[in-house]
PDB file of all heavy atoms in Angstrom:
ATOM      1  N   ALA A   1    -148.062   3.756-192.671  1.00  0.00           N
ATOM      2  CA  ALA A   1    -147.393   4.499-191.633  1.00  0.00           C
ATOM      3  C   ALA A   1    -148.339   4.874-190.493  1.00  0.00           C
ATOM      4  O   ALA A   1    -147.877   5.083-189.373  1.00  0.00           O
ATOM      5  CB  ALA A   1    -146.853   5.806-192.251  1.00  0.00           C
ATOM      6  N   GLN A   2    -149.610   4.813-190.722  1.00  0.00           N
ATOM      7  CA  GLN A   2    -150.617   5.098-189.676  1.00  0.00           C
ATOM      8  C   GLN A   2    -151.269   3.854-189.133  1.00  0.00           C
ATOM      9  O   GLN A   2    -152.227   3.960-188.386  1.00  0.00           O
ATOM     10  CB  GLN A   2    -151.683   6.060-190.284  1.00  0.00           C
ATOM     11  CG  GLN A   2    -151.144   7.364-190.814  1.00  0.00           C
ATOM     12  CD  GLN A   2    -150.307   8.136-189.808  1.00  0.00           C
ATOM     13  OE1 GLN A   2    -150.657   8.171-188.632  1.00  0.00           O
ATOM     14  NE2 GLN A   2    -149.221   8.694-190.288  1.00  0.00           N
ATOM     15  N   ASP A   3    -150.756   2.685-189.523  1.00  0.00           N
ATOM     16  CA  ASP A   3    -151.259   1.410-189.027  1.00  0.00           C
ATOM     17  C   ASP A   3    -152.764   1.214-189.359  1.00  0.00           C
ATOM     18  O   ASP A   3    -153.507   0.705-188.503  1.00  0.00           O
ATOM     19  CB  ASP A   3    -151.048   1.250-187.524  1.00  0.00           C
ATOM     20  CG  ASP A   3    -149.568   1.185-187.179  1.00  0.00           C
ATOM     21  OD1 ASP A   3    -148.807   0.584-187.938  1.00  0.00           O
ATOM     22  OD2 ASP A   3    -149.192   1.802-186.131  1.00  0.00           O
ATOM     23  N   ALA A   4    -153.183   1.643-190.538  1.00  0.00           N
ATOM     24  CA  ALA A   4    -154.592   1.478-190.927  1.00  0.00           C
ATOM     25  C   ALA A   4    -154.887   0.017-191.065  1.00  0.00           C
ATOM     26  O   ALA A   4    -154.054  -0.785-191.555  1.00  0.00           O
ATOM     27  CB  ALA A   4    -154.842   2.188-192.246  1.00  0.00           C
ATOM     28  N   PRO A   5    -156.035  -0.438-190.675  1.00  0.00           N
ATOM     29  CA  PRO A   5    -156.407  -1.870-190.843  1.00  0.00           C
ATOM     30  C   PRO A   5    -156.512  -2.244-192.331  1.00  0.00           C
ATOM     31  O   PRO A   5    -156.838  -1.378-193.115  1.00  0.00           O
ATOM     32  CB  PRO A   5    -157.764  -1.973-190.089  1.00  0.00           C
ATOM     33  CG  PRO A   5    -158.254  -0.578-190.043  1.00  0.00           C
ATOM     34  CD  PRO A   5    -157.115   0.323-190.055  1.00  0.00           C
ATOM     35  N   PRO A   6    -156.291  -3.501-192.632  1.00  0.00           N
ATOM     36  CA  PRO A   6    -156.312  -3.956-194.026  1.00  0.00           C
ATOM     37  C   PRO A   6    -157.662  -3.628-194.748  1.00  0.00           C
ATOM     38  O   PRO A   6    -157.622  -3.239-195.916  1.00  0.00           O
ATOM     39  CB  PRO A   6    -156.115  -5.453-193.925  1.00  0.00           C
ATOM     40  CG  PRO A   6    -155.346  -5.650-192.661  1.00  0.00           C
ATOM     41  CD  PRO A   6    -155.878  -4.567-191.733  1.00  0.00           C
ATOM     42  N   ALA A   7    -158.785  -3.804-194.106  1.00  0.00           N
ATOM     43  CA  ALA A   7    -160.053  -3.536-194.720  1.00  0.00           C
ATOM     44  C   ALA A   7    -160.201  -2.066-195.141  1.00  0.00           C
ATOM     45  O   ALA A   7    -160.657  -1.746-196.225  1.00  0.00           O
ATOM     46  CB  ALA A   7    -161.237  -3.964-193.883  1.00  0.00           C
ATOM     47  N   LEU A   8    -159.794  -1.189-194.260  1.00  0.00           N
ATOM     48  CA  LEU A   8    -159.834   0.259-194.580  1.00  0.00           C
ATOM     49  C   LEU A   8    -158.860   0.553-195.714  1.00  0.00           C
ATOM     50  O   LEU A   8    -159.200   1.311-196.653  1.00  0.00           O
ATOM     51  CB  LEU A   8    -159.526   1.068-193.352  1.00  0.00           C
ATOM     52  CG  LEU A   8    -159.419   2.582-193.551  1.00  0.00           C
ATOM     53  CD1 LEU A   8    -160.758   3.139-194.068  1.00  0.00           C
ATOM     54  CD2 LEU A   8    -159.041   3.321-192.284  1.00  0.00           C
ATOM     55  N   THR A   9    -157.670   0.003-195.643  1.00  0.00           N
ATOM     56  CA  THR A   9    -156.705   0.174-196.736  1.00  0.00           C
ATOM     57  C   THR A   9    -157.251  -0.280-198.071  1.00  0.00           C
ATOM     58  O   THR A   9    -157.122   0.472-199.067  1.00  0.00           O
ATOM     59  CB  THR A   9    -155.362  -0.528-196.385  1.00  0.00           C
ATOM     60  OG1 THR A   9    -154.832   0.015-195.173  1.00  0.00           O
ATOM     61  CG2 THR A   9    -154.349  -0.436-197.531  1.00  0.00           C
ATOM     62  N   ASP A  10    -157.876  -1.416-198.107  1.00  0.00           N
ATOM     63  CA  ASP A  10    -158.444  -1.923-199.348  1.00  0.00           C
ATOM     64  C   ASP A  10    -159.507  -0.943-199.897  1.00  0.00           C
ATOM     65  O   ASP A  10    -159.537  -0.652-201.091  1.00  0.00           O
ATOM     66  CB  ASP A  10    -159.102  -3.280-199.130  1.00  0.00           C
ATOM     67  CG  ASP A  10    -158.079  -4.407-198.973  1.00  0.00           C
ATOM     68  OD1 ASP A  10    -156.854  -4.171-199.197  1.00  0.00           O
ATOM     69  OD2 ASP A  10    -158.479  -5.498-198.488  1.00  0.00           O
ATOM     70  N   ASP A  11    -160.347  -0.443-198.990  1.00  0.00           N
ATOM     71  CA  ASP A  11    -161.429   0.515-199.438  1.00  0.00           C
ATOM     72  C   ASP A  11    -160.821   1.809-199.949  1.00  0.00           C
ATOM     73  O   ASP A  11    -161.253   2.296-200.974  1.00  0.00           O
ATOM     74  CB  ASP A  11    -162.391   0.786-198.292  1.00  0.00           C
ATOM     75  CG  ASP A  11    -163.255  -0.379-197.926  1.00  0.00           C
ATOM     76  OD1 ASP A  11    -163.278  -1.410-198.703  1.00  0.00           O
ATOM     77  OD2 ASP A  11    -163.984  -0.338-196.900  1.00  0.00           O
ATOM     78  N   VAL A  12    -159.834   2.298-199.250  1.00  0.00           N
ATOM     79  CA  VAL A  12    -159.189   3.554-199.722  1.00  0.00           C
ATOM     80  C   VAL A  12    -158.510   3.363-201.082  1.00  0.00           C
ATOM     81  O   VAL A  12    -158.654   4.154-201.978  1.00  0.00           O
ATOM     82  CB  VAL A  12    -158.141   4.083-198.665  1.00  0.00           C
ATOM     83  CG1 VAL A  12    -157.301   5.229-199.254  1.00  0.00           C
ATOM     84  CG2 VAL A  12    -158.859   4.520-197.404  1.00  0.00           C
ATOM     85  N   LEU A  13    -157.795   2.254-201.229  1.00  0.00           N
ATOM     86  CA  LEU A  13    -157.156   1.952-202.532  1.00  0.00           C
ATOM     87  C   LEU A  13    -158.155   1.814-203.643  1.00  0.00           C
ATOM     88  O   LEU A  13    -157.898   2.234-204.795  1.00  0.00           O
ATOM     89  CB  LEU A  13    -156.275   0.723-202.393  1.00  0.00           C
ATOM     90  CG  LEU A  13    -155.073   0.879-201.454  1.00  0.00           C
ATOM     91  CD1 LEU A  13    -154.308  -0.421-201.395  1.00  0.00           C
ATOM     92  CD2 LEU A  13    -154.177   2.036-201.825  1.00  0.00           C
ATOM     93  N   THR A  14    -159.319   1.264-203.356  1.00  0.00           N
ATOM     94  CA  THR A  14    -160.385   1.166-204.381  1.00  0.00           C
ATOM     95  C   THR A  14    -160.878   2.525-204.777  1.00  0.00           C
ATOM     96  O   THR A  14    -161.019   2.846-205.963  1.00  0.00           O
ATOM     97  CB  THR A  14    -161.580   0.289-203.872  1.00  0.00           C
ATOM     98  OG1 THR A  14    -161.058  -1.013-203.591  1.00  0.00           O
ATOM     99  CG2 THR A  14    -162.707   0.251-204.866  1.00  0.00           C
ATOM    100  N   VAL A  15    -161.086   3.404-203.772  1.00  0.00           N
ATOM    101  CA  VAL A  15    -161.561   4.769-204.082  1.00  0.00           C
ATOM    102  C   VAL A  15    -160.494   5.516-204.860  1.00  0.00           C
ATOM    103  O   VAL A  15    -160.809   6.199-205.844  1.00  0.00           O
ATOM    104  CB  VAL A  15    -161.933   5.501-202.759  1.00  0.00           C
ATOM    105  CG1 VAL A  15    -162.131   7.005-203.006  1.00  0.00           C
ATOM    106  CG2 VAL A  15    -163.184   4.863-202.180  1.00  0.00           C
ATOM    107  N   VAL A  16    -159.243   5.403-204.422  1.00  0.00           N
ATOM    108  CA  VAL A  16    -158.138   6.062-205.176  1.00  0.00           C
ATOM    109  C   VAL A  16    -158.111   5.564-206.624  1.00  0.00           C
ATOM    110  O   VAL A  16    -158.028   6.389-207.538  1.00  0.00           O
ATOM    111  CB  VAL A  16    -156.740   5.809-204.496  1.00  0.00           C
ATOM    112  CG1 VAL A  16    -155.620   6.173-205.378  1.00  0.00           C
ATOM    113  CG2 VAL A  16    -156.717   6.579-203.163  1.00  0.00           C
ATOM    114  N   SER A  17    -158.182   4.288-206.827  1.00  0.00           N
ATOM    115  CA  SER A  17    -158.144   3.706-208.174  1.00  0.00           C
ATOM    116  C   SER A  17    -159.276   4.275-209.070  1.00  0.00           C
ATOM    117  O   SER A  17    -159.062   4.684-210.203  1.00  0.00           O
ATOM    118  CB  SER A  17    -158.236   2.191-208.156  1.00  0.00           C
ATOM    119  OG  SER A  17    -157.122   1.657-207.557  1.00  0.00           O
ATOM    120  N   GLU A  18    -160.463   4.254-208.483  1.00  0.00           N
ATOM    121  CA  GLU A  18    -161.637   4.776-209.259  1.00  0.00           C
ATOM    122  C   GLU A  18    -161.542   6.242-209.605  1.00  0.00           C
ATOM    123  O   GLU A  18    -161.749   6.643-210.743  1.00  0.00           O
ATOM    124  CB  GLU A  18    -162.929   4.519-208.522  1.00  0.00           C
ATOM    125  CG  GLU A  18    -163.292   3.056-208.388  1.00  0.00           C
ATOM    126  CD  GLU A  18    -163.613   2.387-209.703  1.00  0.00           C
ATOM    127  OE1 GLU A  18    -163.918   3.056-210.732  1.00  0.00           O
ATOM    128  OE2 GLU A  18    -163.537   1.139-209.791  1.00  0.00           O
ATOM    129  N   LEU A  19    -161.176   7.064-208.632  1.00  0.00           N
ATOM    130  CA  LEU A  19    -161.125   8.517-208.892  1.00  0.00           C
ATOM    131  C   LEU A  19    -159.996   8.900-209.822  1.00  0.00           C
ATOM    132  O   LEU A  19    -160.152   9.724-210.711  1.00  0.00           O
ATOM    133  CB  LEU A  19    -161.004   9.251-207.528  1.00  0.00           C
ATOM    134  CG  LEU A  19    -162.243   9.167-206.622  1.00  0.00           C
ATOM    135  CD1 LEU A  19    -161.954   9.968-205.348  1.00  0.00           C
ATOM    136  CD2 LEU A  19    -163.505   9.639-207.326  1.00  0.00           C
ATOM    137  N   VAL A  20    -158.805   8.305-209.598  1.00  0.00           N
ATOM    138  CA  VAL A  20    -157.692   8.659-210.482  1.00  0.00           C
ATOM    139  C   VAL A  20    -157.899   8.132-211.901  1.00  0.00           C
ATOM    140  O   VAL A  20    -157.655   8.846-212.867  1.00  0.00           O
ATOM    141  CB  VAL A  20    -156.336   8.134-209.864  1.00  0.00           C
ATOM    142  CG1 VAL A  20    -155.199   8.307-210.872  1.00  0.00           C
ATOM    143  CG2 VAL A  20    -156.041   8.887-208.577  1.00  0.00           C
ATOM    144  N   SER A  21    -158.360   6.881-212.026  1.00  0.00           N
ATOM    145  CA  SER A  21    -158.571   6.357-213.361  1.00  0.00           C
ATOM    146  C   SER A  21    -159.650   7.124-214.119  1.00  0.00           C
ATOM    147  O   SER A  21    -159.520   7.435-215.348  1.00  0.00           O
ATOM    148  CB  SER A  21    -158.921   4.903-213.355  1.00  0.00           C
ATOM    149  OG  SER A  21    -160.105   4.623-212.729  1.00  0.00           O
ATOM    150  N   ASN A  22    -160.691   7.583-213.419  1.00  0.00           N
ATOM    151  CA  ASN A  22    -161.751   8.393-214.082  1.00  0.00           C
ATOM    152  C   ASN A  22    -161.206   9.773-214.465  1.00  0.00           C
ATOM    153  O   ASN A  22    -161.575  10.305-215.544  1.00  0.00           O
ATOM    154  CB  ASN A  22    -162.947   8.522-213.171  1.00  0.00           C
ATOM    155  CG  ASN A  22    -163.805   7.267-213.204  1.00  0.00           C
ATOM    156  OD1 ASN A  22    -163.673   6.387-214.106  1.00  0.00           O
ATOM    157  ND2 ASN A  22    -164.643   7.122-212.181  1.00  0.00           N
ATOM    158  N   ALA A  23    -160.352  10.365-213.623  1.00  0.00           N
ATOM    159  CA  ALA A  23    -159.766  11.666-213.974  1.00  0.00           C
ATOM    160  C   ALA A  23    -158.892  11.525-215.231  1.00  0.00           C
ATOM    161  O   ALA A  23    -158.923  12.378-216.101  1.00  0.00           O
ATOM    162  CB  ALA A  23    -158.929  12.173-212.815  1.00  0.00           C
ATOM    163  N   VAL A  24    -158.155  10.447-215.313  1.00  0.00           N
ATOM    164  CA  VAL A  24    -157.291  10.226-216.486  1.00  0.00           C
ATOM    165  C   VAL A  24    -158.104   9.943-217.695  1.00  0.00           C
ATOM    166  O   VAL A  24    -157.895  10.512-218.777  1.00  0.00           O
ATOM    167  CB  VAL A  24    -156.273   9.128-216.207  1.00  0.00           C
ATOM    168  CG1 VAL A  24    -155.564   8.646-217.448  1.00  0.00           C
ATOM    169  CG2 VAL A  24    -155.263   9.508-215.109  1.00  0.00           C
ATOM    170  N   ARG A  25    -159.107   9.050-217.583  1.00  0.00           N
ATOM    171  CA  ARG A  25    -159.905   8.602-218.733  1.00  0.00           C
ATOM    172  C   ARG A  25    -160.914   9.644-219.219  1.00  0.00           C
ATOM    173  O   ARG A  25    -161.132   9.754-220.427  1.00  0.00           O
ATOM    174  CB  ARG A  25    -160.645   7.324-218.293  1.00  0.00           C
ATOM    175  CG  ARG A  25    -161.384   6.644-219.452  1.00  0.00           C
ATOM    176  CD  ARG A  25    -161.967   5.329-218.970  1.00  0.00           C
ATOM    177  NE  ARG A  25    -160.953   4.406-218.475  1.00  0.00           N
ATOM    178  CZ  ARG A  25    -161.043   3.736-217.336  1.00  0.00           C
ATOM    179  NH1 ARG A  25    -162.103   3.847-216.559  1.00  0.00           N
ATOM    180  NH2 ARG A  25    -160.055   2.938-216.962  1.00  0.00           N
ATOM    181  N   HIS A  26    -161.551  10.379-218.299  1.00  0.00           N
ATOM    182  CA  HIS A  26    -162.652  11.225-218.695  1.00  0.00           C
ATOM    183  C   HIS A  26    -162.520  12.717-218.454  1.00  0.00           C
ATOM    184  O   HIS A  26    -163.364  13.451-218.843  1.00  0.00           O
ATOM    185  CB  HIS A  26    -163.924  10.770-217.950  1.00  0.00           C
ATOM    186  CG  HIS A  26    -164.271   9.341-218.129  1.00  0.00           C
ATOM    187  ND1 HIS A  26    -164.668   8.820-219.307  1.00  0.00           N
ATOM    188  CD2 HIS A  26    -164.275   8.327-217.255  1.00  0.00           C
ATOM    189  CE1 HIS A  26    -164.929   7.532-219.148  1.00  0.00           C
ATOM    190  NE2 HIS A  26    -164.693   7.192-217.946  1.00  0.00           N
ATOM    191  N   ALA A  27    -161.470  13.132-217.718  1.00  0.00           N
ATOM    192  CA  ALA A  27    -161.449  14.507-217.262  1.00  0.00           C
ATOM    193  C   ALA A  27    -160.136  15.244-217.554  1.00  0.00           C
ATOM    194  O   ALA A  27    -159.797  16.207-216.836  1.00  0.00           O
ATOM    195  CB  ALA A  27    -161.781  14.534-215.759  1.00  0.00           C
TER     196      ALA A  27
END
């Protein structure tokens, strides 16, 4: 919705995946 470039989107999705999966798995 904010027209983020694909490279930024990929990086954000990687960070989201890491943080959420670690919260579920370890916290």
